[in-house]
PDB file of all heavy atoms in Angstrom:
ATOM      1  N   THR A   1       1.837   8.177 -17.636  1.00  0.00           N
ATOM      2  CA  THR A   1       3.130   7.574 -17.367  1.00  0.00           C
ATOM      3  C   THR A   1       3.540   7.853 -15.853  1.00  0.00           C
ATOM      4  O   THR A   1       2.923   8.778 -15.312  1.00  0.00           O
ATOM      5  CB  THR A   1       4.218   8.069 -18.240  1.00  0.00           C
ATOM      6  OG1 THR A   1       4.303   9.534 -18.118  1.00  0.00           O
ATOM      7  CG2 THR A   1       3.912   7.722 -19.716  1.00  0.00           C
ATOM      8  N   VAL A   2       4.415   7.165 -15.365  1.00  0.00           N
ATOM      9  CA  VAL A   2       4.967   7.404 -14.002  1.00  0.00           C
ATOM     10  C   VAL A   2       6.471   7.562 -14.070  1.00  0.00           C
ATOM     11  O   VAL A   2       7.222   6.703 -14.708  1.00  0.00           O
ATOM     12  CB  VAL A   2       4.654   6.129 -13.102  1.00  0.00           C
ATOM     13  CG1 VAL A   2       5.167   6.401 -11.716  1.00  0.00           C
ATOM     14  CG2 VAL A   2       3.134   5.963 -13.100  1.00  0.00           C
ATOM     15  N   ASP A   3       7.050   8.668 -13.567  1.00  0.00           N
ATOM     16  CA  ASP A   3       8.408   8.970 -13.616  1.00  0.00           C
ATOM     17  C   ASP A   3       9.191   8.002 -12.705  1.00  0.00           C
ATOM     18  O   ASP A   3       8.651   7.356 -11.877  1.00  0.00           O
ATOM     19  CB  ASP A   3       8.666  10.399 -13.186  1.00  0.00           C
ATOM     20  CG  ASP A   3       8.027  11.427 -14.215  1.00  0.00           C
ATOM     21  OD1 ASP A   3       7.847  11.032 -15.338  1.00  0.00           O
ATOM     22  OD2 ASP A   3       7.777  12.519 -13.720  1.00  0.00           O
ATOM     23  N   GLN A   4      10.558   8.161 -12.827  1.00  0.00           N
ATOM     24  CA  GLN A   4      11.423   7.217 -12.005  1.00  0.00           C
ATOM     25  C   GLN A   4      11.348   7.477 -10.674  1.00  0.00           C
ATOM     26  O   GLN A   4      11.444   6.480  -9.827  1.00  0.00           O
ATOM     27  CB  GLN A   4      12.891   7.419 -12.586  1.00  0.00           C
ATOM     28  CG  GLN A   4      13.186   6.899 -13.918  1.00  0.00           C
ATOM     29  CD  GLN A   4      12.996   5.393 -14.053  1.00  0.00           C
ATOM     30  OE1 GLN A   4      13.285   4.605 -13.106  1.00  0.00           O
ATOM     31  NE2 GLN A   4      12.544   4.840 -15.203  1.00  0.00           N
ATOM     32  N   ASN A   5      11.210   8.711 -10.136  1.00  0.00           N
ATOM     33  CA  ASN A   5      11.176   8.976  -8.704  1.00  0.00           C
ATOM     34  C   ASN A   5       9.770   9.039  -8.252  1.00  0.00           C
ATOM     35  O   ASN A   5       9.436   9.699  -7.183  1.00  0.00           O
ATOM     36  CB  ASN A   5      11.909  10.293  -8.410  1.00  0.00           C
ATOM     37  CG  ASN A   5      11.166  11.529  -9.137  1.00  0.00           C
ATOM     38  OD1 ASN A   5      10.504  11.250 -10.093  1.00  0.00           O
ATOM     39  ND2 ASN A   5      11.534  12.617  -8.609  1.00  0.00           N
ATOM     40  N   GLU A   6       8.756   8.550  -8.920  1.00  0.00           N
ATOM     41  CA  GLU A   6       7.361   8.441  -8.512  1.00  0.00           C
ATOM     42  C   GLU A   6       6.788   7.104  -8.353  1.00  0.00           C
ATOM     43  O   GLU A   6       7.359   6.151  -8.986  1.00  0.00           O
ATOM     44  CB  GLU A   6       6.471   9.311  -9.536  1.00  0.00           C
ATOM     45  CG  GLU A   6       6.776  10.792  -9.610  1.00  0.00           C
ATOM     46  CD  GLU A   6       5.871  11.478 -10.621  1.00  0.00           C
ATOM     47  OE1 GLU A   6       5.343  10.766 -11.554  1.00  0.00           O
ATOM     48  OE2 GLU A   6       5.692  12.712 -10.495  1.00  0.00           O
ATOM     49  N   ARG A   7       5.771   7.035  -7.654  1.00  0.00           N
ATOM     50  CA  ARG A   7       4.901   5.844  -7.591  1.00  0.00           C
ATOM     51  C   ARG A   7       3.501   6.295  -7.639  1.00  0.00           C
ATOM     52  O   ARG A   7       3.135   7.393  -7.314  1.00  0.00           O
ATOM     53  CB  ARG A   7       5.157   5.039  -6.292  1.00  0.00           C
ATOM     54  CG  ARG A   7       6.696   4.510  -6.063  1.00  0.00           C
ATOM     55  CD  ARG A   7       6.992   3.508  -7.140  1.00  0.00           C
ATOM     56  NE  ARG A   7       8.369   2.993  -6.814  1.00  0.00           N
ATOM     57  CZ  ARG A   7       9.454   3.594  -7.348  1.00  0.00           C
ATOM     58  NH1 ARG A   7       9.371   4.565  -8.098  1.00  0.00           N
ATOM     59  NH2 ARG A   7      10.636   2.993  -7.110  1.00  0.00           N
ATOM     60  N   ALA A   8       2.668   5.395  -8.148  1.00  0.00           N
ATOM     61  CA  ALA A   8       1.170   5.738  -8.363  1.00  0.00           C
ATOM     62  C   ALA A   8       0.341   4.660  -7.758  1.00  0.00           C
ATOM     63  O   ALA A   8       0.644   3.499  -7.694  1.00  0.00           O
ATOM     64  CB  ALA A   8       0.953   5.930  -9.823  1.00  0.00           C
ATOM     65  N   VAL A   9      -0.850   5.125  -7.348  1.00  0.00           N
ATOM     66  CA  VAL A   9      -1.888   4.263  -6.822  1.00  0.00           C
ATOM     67  C   VAL A   9      -3.218   4.582  -7.575  1.00  0.00           C
ATOM     68  O   VAL A   9      -3.566   5.822  -7.690  1.00  0.00           O
ATOM     69  CB  VAL A   9      -2.078   4.398  -5.345  1.00  0.00           C
ATOM     70  CG1 VAL A   9      -3.231   3.632  -4.832  1.00  0.00           C
ATOM     71  CG2 VAL A   9      -0.803   4.041  -4.572  1.00  0.00           C
ATOM     72  N   LYS A  10      -3.867   3.651  -8.060  1.00  0.00           N
ATOM     73  CA  LYS A  10      -5.121   3.814  -8.850  1.00  0.00           C
ATOM     74  C   LYS A  10      -6.325   3.519  -8.000  1.00  0.00           C
ATOM     75  O   LYS A  10      -6.353   2.572  -7.167  1.00  0.00           O
ATOM     76  CB  LYS A  10      -5.181   2.893 -10.094  1.00  0.00           C
ATOM     77  CG  LYS A  10      -6.367   3.143 -11.009  1.00  0.00           C
ATOM     78  CD  LYS A  10      -6.407   2.070 -12.029  1.00  0.00           C
ATOM     79  CE  LYS A  10      -5.224   2.285 -13.016  1.00  0.00           C
ATOM     80  NZ  LYS A  10      -5.404   1.248 -14.170  1.00  0.00           N
ATOM     81  N   THR A  11      -7.280   4.443  -8.022  1.00  0.00           N
ATOM     82  CA  THR A  11      -8.596   4.291  -7.350  1.00  0.00           C
ATOM     83  C   THR A  11      -9.705   4.017  -8.396  1.00  0.00           C
ATOM     84  O   THR A  11      -9.743   4.675  -9.390  1.00  0.00           O
ATOM     85  CB  THR A  11      -8.920   5.520  -6.485  1.00  0.00           C
ATOM     86  OG1 THR A  11      -8.993   6.625  -7.342  1.00  0.00           O
ATOM     87  CG2 THR A  11      -7.882   5.665  -5.399  1.00  0.00           C
ATOM     88  N   VAL A  12     -10.542   3.060  -8.094  1.00  0.00           N
ATOM     89  CA  VAL A  12     -11.774   2.772  -8.847  1.00  0.00           C
ATOM     90  C   VAL A  12     -12.926   3.250  -8.107  1.00  0.00           C
ATOM     91  O   VAL A  12     -13.283   2.719  -7.000  1.00  0.00           O
ATOM     92  CB  VAL A  12     -11.764   1.263  -9.230  1.00  0.00           C
ATOM     93  CG1 VAL A  12     -12.972   0.980 -10.076  1.00  0.00           C
ATOM     94  CG2 VAL A  12     -10.532   0.861  -9.865  1.00  0.00           C
ATOM     95  N   LEU A  13     -13.624   4.297  -8.683  1.00  0.00           N
ATOM     96  CA  LEU A  13     -14.793   4.892  -7.998  1.00  0.00           C
ATOM     97  C   LEU A  13     -14.458   5.329  -6.518  1.00  0.00           C
ATOM     98  O   LEU A  13     -15.246   5.145  -5.611  1.00  0.00           O
ATOM     99  CB  LEU A  13     -16.048   3.842  -8.013  1.00  0.00           C
ATOM    100  CG  LEU A  13     -16.457   3.509  -9.423  1.00  0.00           C
ATOM    101  CD1 LEU A  13     -17.617   2.514  -9.238  1.00  0.00           C
ATOM    102  CD2 LEU A  13     -16.992   4.670 -10.181  1.00  0.00           C
ATOM    103  N   GLY A  14     -13.149   5.777  -6.385  1.00  0.00           N
ATOM    104  CA  GLY A  14     -12.804   6.327  -5.061  1.00  0.00           C
ATOM    105  C   GLY A  14     -12.188   5.293  -4.207  1.00  0.00           C
ATOM    106  O   GLY A  14     -11.796   5.691  -3.080  1.00  0.00           O
ATOM    107  N   ARG A  15     -12.134   4.058  -4.574  1.00  0.00           N
ATOM    108  CA  ARG A  15     -11.555   2.995  -3.709  1.00  0.00           C
ATOM    109  C   ARG A  15     -10.247   2.570  -4.191  1.00  0.00           C
ATOM    110  O   ARG A  15     -10.132   2.231  -5.359  1.00  0.00           O
ATOM    111  CB  ARG A  15     -12.527   1.863  -3.520  1.00  0.00           C
ATOM    112  CG  ARG A  15     -12.066   0.747  -2.539  1.00  0.00           C
ATOM    113  CD  ARG A  15     -13.062  -0.361  -2.432  1.00  0.00           C
ATOM    114  NE  ARG A  15     -12.816  -1.316  -1.410  1.00  0.00           N
ATOM    115  CZ  ARG A  15     -11.990  -2.363  -1.596  1.00  0.00           C
ATOM    116  NH1 ARG A  15     -11.467  -2.586  -2.811  1.00  0.00           N
ATOM    117  NH2 ARG A  15     -11.720  -3.216  -0.610  1.00  0.00           N
ATOM    118  N   ALA A  16      -9.199   2.605  -3.444  1.00  0.00           N
ATOM    119  CA  ALA A  16      -7.890   2.210  -3.897  1.00  0.00           C
ATOM    120  C   ALA A  16      -7.816   0.752  -4.120  1.00  0.00           C
ATOM    121  O   ALA A  16      -8.408  -0.068  -3.355  1.00  0.00           O
ATOM    122  CB  ALA A  16      -6.779   2.619  -2.859  1.00  0.00           C
ATOM    123  N   GLN A  17      -7.095   0.434  -5.164  1.00  0.00           N
ATOM    124  CA  GLN A  17      -6.942  -1.054  -5.494  1.00  0.00           C
ATOM    125  C   GLN A  17      -6.055  -1.671  -4.512  1.00  0.00           C
ATOM    126  O   GLN A  17      -4.890  -1.300  -4.249  1.00  0.00           O
ATOM    127  CB  GLN A  17      -6.347  -1.150  -6.900  1.00  0.00           C
ATOM    128  CG  GLN A  17      -7.294  -0.682  -7.985  1.00  0.00           C
ATOM    129  CD  GLN A  17      -6.706  -0.892  -9.402  1.00  0.00           C
ATOM    130  OE1 GLN A  17      -5.451  -1.001  -9.511  1.00  0.00           O
ATOM    131  NE2 GLN A  17      -7.529  -0.981 -10.397  1.00  0.00           N
ATOM    132  N   ARG A  18      -6.558  -2.768  -3.824  1.00  0.00           N
ATOM    133  CA  ARG A  18      -5.809  -3.572  -2.868  1.00  0.00           C
ATOM    134  C   ARG A  18      -4.938  -4.585  -3.541  1.00  0.00           C
ATOM    135  O   ARG A  18      -5.150  -4.977  -4.665  1.00  0.00           O
ATOM    136  CB  ARG A  18      -6.675  -4.192  -1.891  1.00  0.00           C
ATOM    137  CG  ARG A  18      -7.066  -3.380  -0.669  1.00  0.00           C
ATOM    138  CD  ARG A  18      -7.796  -2.131  -0.903  1.00  0.00           C
ATOM    139  NE  ARG A  18      -8.424  -1.575   0.294  1.00  0.00           N
ATOM    140  CZ  ARG A  18      -9.128  -0.474   0.397  1.00  0.00           C
ATOM    141  NH1 ARG A  18      -9.281   0.251  -0.687  1.00  0.00           N
ATOM    142  NH2 ARG A  18      -9.610  -0.073   1.629  1.00  0.00           N
ATOM    143  N   THR A  19      -3.965  -5.082  -2.764  1.00  0.00           N
ATOM    144  CA  THR A  19      -3.203  -6.254  -3.230  1.00  0.00           C
ATOM    145  C   THR A  19      -3.975  -7.496  -2.952  1.00  0.00           C
ATOM    146  O   THR A  19      -4.850  -7.562  -2.025  1.00  0.00           O
ATOM    147  CB  THR A  19      -1.795  -6.325  -2.423  1.00  0.00           C
ATOM    148  OG1 THR A  19      -2.066  -6.326  -1.059  1.00  0.00           O
ATOM    149  CG2 THR A  19      -0.943  -5.109  -2.813  1.00  0.00           C
ATOM    150  N   PRO A  20      -3.732  -8.574  -3.649  1.00  0.00           N
ATOM    151  CA  PRO A  20      -4.475  -9.819  -3.484  1.00  0.00           C
ATOM    152  C   PRO A  20      -4.131 -10.380  -2.097  1.00  0.00           C
ATOM    153  O   PRO A  20      -3.068 -10.277  -1.552  1.00  0.00           O
ATOM    154  CB  PRO A  20      -3.884 -10.687  -4.600  1.00  0.00           C
ATOM    155  CG  PRO A  20      -3.378  -9.873  -5.610  1.00  0.00           C
ATOM    156  CD  PRO A  20      -2.840  -8.608  -4.900  1.00  0.00           C
ATOM    157  N   GLY A  21      -5.166 -10.960  -1.441  1.00  0.00           N
ATOM    158  CA  GLY A  21      -4.969 -11.616  -0.108  1.00  0.00           C
ATOM    159  C   GLY A  21      -5.318 -10.742   1.008  1.00  0.00           C
ATOM    160  O   GLY A  21      -5.408 -11.187   2.149  1.00  0.00           O
ATOM    161  N   GLY A  22      -5.726  -9.439   0.810  1.00  0.00           N
ATOM    162  CA  GLY A  22      -6.047  -8.577   1.885  1.00  0.00           C
ATOM    163  C   GLY A  22      -4.926  -8.274   2.812  1.00  0.00           C
ATOM    164  O   GLY A  22      -5.208  -8.249   4.032  1.00  0.00           O
ATOM    165  N   ALA A  23      -3.660  -8.114   2.387  1.00  0.00           N
ATOM    166  CA  ALA A  23      -2.657  -7.870   3.361  1.00  0.00           C
ATOM    167  C   ALA A  23      -2.644  -6.370   3.825  1.00  0.00           C
ATOM    168  O   ALA A  23      -3.310  -5.478   3.257  1.00  0.00           O
ATOM    169  CB  ALA A  23      -1.253  -7.996   2.499  1.00  0.00           C
ATOM    170  N   THR A  24      -2.123  -6.216   4.967  1.00  0.00           N
ATOM    171  CA  THR A  24      -2.121  -4.903   5.720  1.00  0.00           C
ATOM    172  C   THR A  24      -0.686  -4.539   6.070  1.00  0.00           C
ATOM    173  O   THR A  24       0.187  -5.289   5.836  1.00  0.00           O
ATOM    174  CB  THR A  24      -3.039  -4.846   6.969  1.00  0.00           C
ATOM    175  OG1 THR A  24      -2.410  -5.783   7.936  1.00  0.00           O
ATOM    176  CG2 THR A  24      -4.419  -5.331   6.625  1.00  0.00           C
ATOM    177  N   THR A  25      -0.530  -3.332   6.625  1.00  0.00           N
ATOM    178  CA  THR A  25       0.822  -2.855   7.028  1.00  0.00           C
ATOM    179  C   THR A  25       1.374  -3.675   8.140  1.00  0.00           C
ATOM    180  O   THR A  25       2.518  -3.692   8.364  1.00  0.00           O
ATOM    181  CB  THR A  25       0.734  -1.417   7.427  1.00  0.00           C
ATOM    182  OG1 THR A  25      -0.331  -1.189   8.407  1.00  0.00           O
ATOM    183  CG2 THR A  25       0.439  -0.516   6.304  1.00  0.00           C
ATOM    184  N   LEU A  26       0.486  -4.351   8.898  1.00  0.00           N
ATOM    185  CA  LEU A  26       1.018  -5.267   9.972  1.00  0.00           C
ATOM    186  C   LEU A  26       1.756  -6.434   9.461  1.00  0.00           C
ATOM    187  O   LEU A  26       2.524  -7.103  10.243  1.00  0.00           O
ATOM    188  CB  LEU A  26      -0.166  -5.667  10.904  1.00  0.00           C
ATOM    189  CG  LEU A  26      -0.954  -4.629  11.634  1.00  0.00           C
ATOM    190  CD1 LEU A  26      -2.054  -5.347  12.403  1.00  0.00           C
ATOM    191  CD2 LEU A  26      -0.030  -3.794  12.474  1.00  0.00           C
ATOM    192  N   ASP A  27       1.592  -6.753   8.207  1.00  0.00           N
ATOM    193  CA  ASP A  27       2.398  -7.863   7.552  1.00  0.00           C
ATOM    194  C   ASP A  27       3.703  -7.383   7.068  1.00  0.00           C
ATOM    195  O   ASP A  27       4.540  -8.257   6.532  1.00  0.00           O
ATOM    196  CB  ASP A  27       1.559  -8.422   6.465  1.00  0.00           C
ATOM    197  CG  ASP A  27       0.213  -8.944   6.903  1.00  0.00           C
ATOM    198  OD1 ASP A  27       0.076  -9.514   8.065  1.00  0.00           O
ATOM    199  OD2 ASP A  27      -0.781  -8.780   6.178  1.00  0.00           O
ATOM    200  N   GLU A  28       4.000  -6.076   7.141  1.00  0.00           N
ATOM    201  CA  GLU A  28       5.183  -5.580   6.657  1.00  0.00           C
ATOM    202  C   GLU A  28       6.230  -5.293   7.677  1.00  0.00           C
ATOM    203  O   GLU A  28       5.865  -5.196   8.928  1.00  0.00           O
ATOM    204  CB  GLU A  28       4.987  -4.206   5.863  1.00  0.00           C
ATOM    205  CG  GLU A  28       4.065  -4.295   4.684  1.00  0.00           C
ATOM    206  CD  GLU A  28       4.774  -5.153   3.541  1.00  0.00           C
ATOM    207  OE1 GLU A  28       6.045  -4.995   3.423  1.00  0.00           O
ATOM    208  OE2 GLU A  28       4.090  -5.865   2.855  1.00  0.00           O
ATOM    209  N   PRO A  29       7.478  -5.219   7.330  1.00  0.00           N
ATOM    210  CA  PRO A  29       8.593  -5.076   8.461  1.00  0.00           C
ATOM    211  C   PRO A  29       8.452  -3.664   9.131  1.00  0.00           C
ATOM    212  O   PRO A  29       8.936  -3.593  10.230  1.00  0.00           O
ATOM    213  CB  PRO A  29       9.917  -5.127   7.625  1.00  0.00           C
ATOM    214  CG  PRO A  29       9.591  -6.018   6.483  1.00  0.00           C
ATOM    215  CD  PRO A  29       8.142  -5.689   6.078  1.00  0.00           C
ATOM    216  N   ILE A  30       7.835  -2.720   8.504  1.00  0.00           N
ATOM    217  CA  ILE A  30       7.707  -1.428   9.064  1.00  0.00           C
ATOM    218  C   ILE A  30       6.844  -1.462  10.348  1.00  0.00           C
ATOM    219  O   ILE A  30       6.972  -0.620  11.254  1.00  0.00           O
ATOM    220  CB  ILE A  30       7.159  -0.320   8.099  1.00  0.00           C
ATOM    221  CG1 ILE A  30       5.761  -0.898   7.624  1.00  0.00           C
ATOM    222  CG2 ILE A  30       8.084  -0.194   6.943  1.00  0.00           C
ATOM    223  CD1 ILE A  30       5.152   0.171   6.740  1.00  0.00           C
ATOM    224  N   ALA A  31       5.965  -2.457  10.440  1.00  0.00           N
ATOM    225  CA  ALA A  31       5.048  -2.605  11.628  1.00  0.00           C
ATOM    226  C   ALA A  31       5.792  -3.068  12.933  1.00  0.00           C
ATOM    227  O   ALA A  31       5.327  -2.935  14.066  1.00  0.00           O
ATOM    228  CB  ALA A  31       3.946  -3.521  11.408  1.00  0.00           C
ATOM    229  N   GLU A  32       7.105  -3.487  12.762  1.00  0.00           N
ATOM    230  CA  GLU A  32       7.843  -3.907  13.889  1.00  0.00           C
ATOM    231  C   GLU A  32       8.153  -2.746  14.857  1.00  0.00           C
ATOM    232  O   GLU A  32       8.479  -2.994  15.982  1.00  0.00           O
ATOM    233  CB  GLU A  32       9.104  -4.639  13.523  1.00  0.00           C
ATOM    234  CG  GLU A  32       8.871  -5.924  12.705  1.00  0.00           C
ATOM    235  CD  GLU A  32      10.085  -6.539  12.187  1.00  0.00           C
ATOM    236  OE1 GLU A  32      11.243  -5.956  12.426  1.00  0.00           O
ATOM    237  OE2 GLU A  32      10.030  -7.602  11.538  1.00  0.00           O
ATOM    238  N   ARG A  33       8.207  -1.497  14.340  1.00  0.00           N
ATOM    239  CA  ARG A  33       8.513  -0.298  15.184  1.00  0.00           C
ATOM    240  C   ARG A  33       7.292   0.089  15.950  1.00  0.00           C
ATOM    241  O   ARG A  33       7.517   1.011  16.780  1.00  0.00           O
ATOM    242  CB  ARG A  33       8.996   0.746  14.192  1.00  0.00           C
ATOM    243  CG  ARG A  33      10.217   0.340  13.266  1.00  0.00           C
ATOM    244  CD  ARG A  33      11.428   0.130  14.029  1.00  0.00           C
ATOM    245  NE  ARG A  33      12.595  -0.194  13.205  1.00  0.00           N
ATOM    246  CZ  ARG A  33      13.846  -0.354  13.701  1.00  0.00           C
ATOM    247  NH1 ARG A  33      13.983  -0.284  14.989  1.00  0.00           N
ATOM    248  NH2 ARG A  33      14.773  -0.688  12.872  1.00  0.00           N
ATOM    249  N   LEU A  34       6.179  -0.365  15.689  1.00  0.00           N
ATOM    250  CA  LEU A  34       4.968   0.082  16.401  1.00  0.00           C
ATOM    251  C   LEU A  34       4.917  -0.536  17.749  1.00  0.00           C
ATOM    252  O   LEU A  34       5.347  -1.703  17.987  1.00  0.00           O
ATOM    253  CB  LEU A  34       3.653  -0.318  15.674  1.00  0.00           C
ATOM    254  CG  LEU A  34       3.476   0.473  14.333  1.00  0.00           C
ATOM    255  CD1 LEU A  34       2.274  -0.055  13.692  1.00  0.00           C
ATOM    256  CD2 LEU A  34       3.338   1.964  14.554  1.00  0.00           C
ATOM    257  N   ARG A  35       4.466   0.272  18.743  1.00  0.00           N
ATOM    258  CA  ARG A  35       4.286  -0.274  20.057  1.00  0.00           C
ATOM    259  C   ARG A  35       3.055  -1.185  20.086  1.00  0.00           C
ATOM    260  O   ARG A  35       2.175  -0.987  19.272  1.00  0.00           O
ATOM    261  CB  ARG A  35       4.126   0.810  21.134  1.00  0.00           C
ATOM    262  CG  ARG A  35       5.434   1.660  21.262  1.00  0.00           C
ATOM    263  CD  ARG A  35       5.227   2.538  22.492  1.00  0.00           C
ATOM    264  NE  ARG A  35       4.346   3.693  22.187  1.00  0.00           N
ATOM    265  CZ  ARG A  35       4.706   4.839  21.762  1.00  0.00           C
ATOM    266  NH1 ARG A  35       6.004   5.114  21.459  1.00  0.00           N
ATOM    267  NH2 ARG A  35       3.772   5.721  21.451  1.00  0.00           N
ATOM    268  N   PRO A  36       2.899  -2.102  21.060  1.00  0.00           N
ATOM    269  CA  PRO A  36       1.727  -2.994  21.018  1.00  0.00           C
ATOM    270  C   PRO A  36       0.431  -2.223  21.007  1.00  0.00           C
ATOM    271  O   PRO A  36      -0.567  -2.729  20.319  1.00  0.00           O
ATOM    272  CB  PRO A  36       1.897  -3.831  22.334  1.00  0.00           C
ATOM    273  CG  PRO A  36       3.374  -3.823  22.531  1.00  0.00           C
ATOM    274  CD  PRO A  36       3.878  -2.452  22.102  1.00  0.00           C
TER     275      PRO A  36
END
């Protein structure tokens, strides 16, 4: 189970499960704070 203040990530044979489409952090709003 996962508690309310927790989040979990599952790895299969040591590799983390990715989201469909191959998205990266550059596609998220948090990347706007990075310098070029």
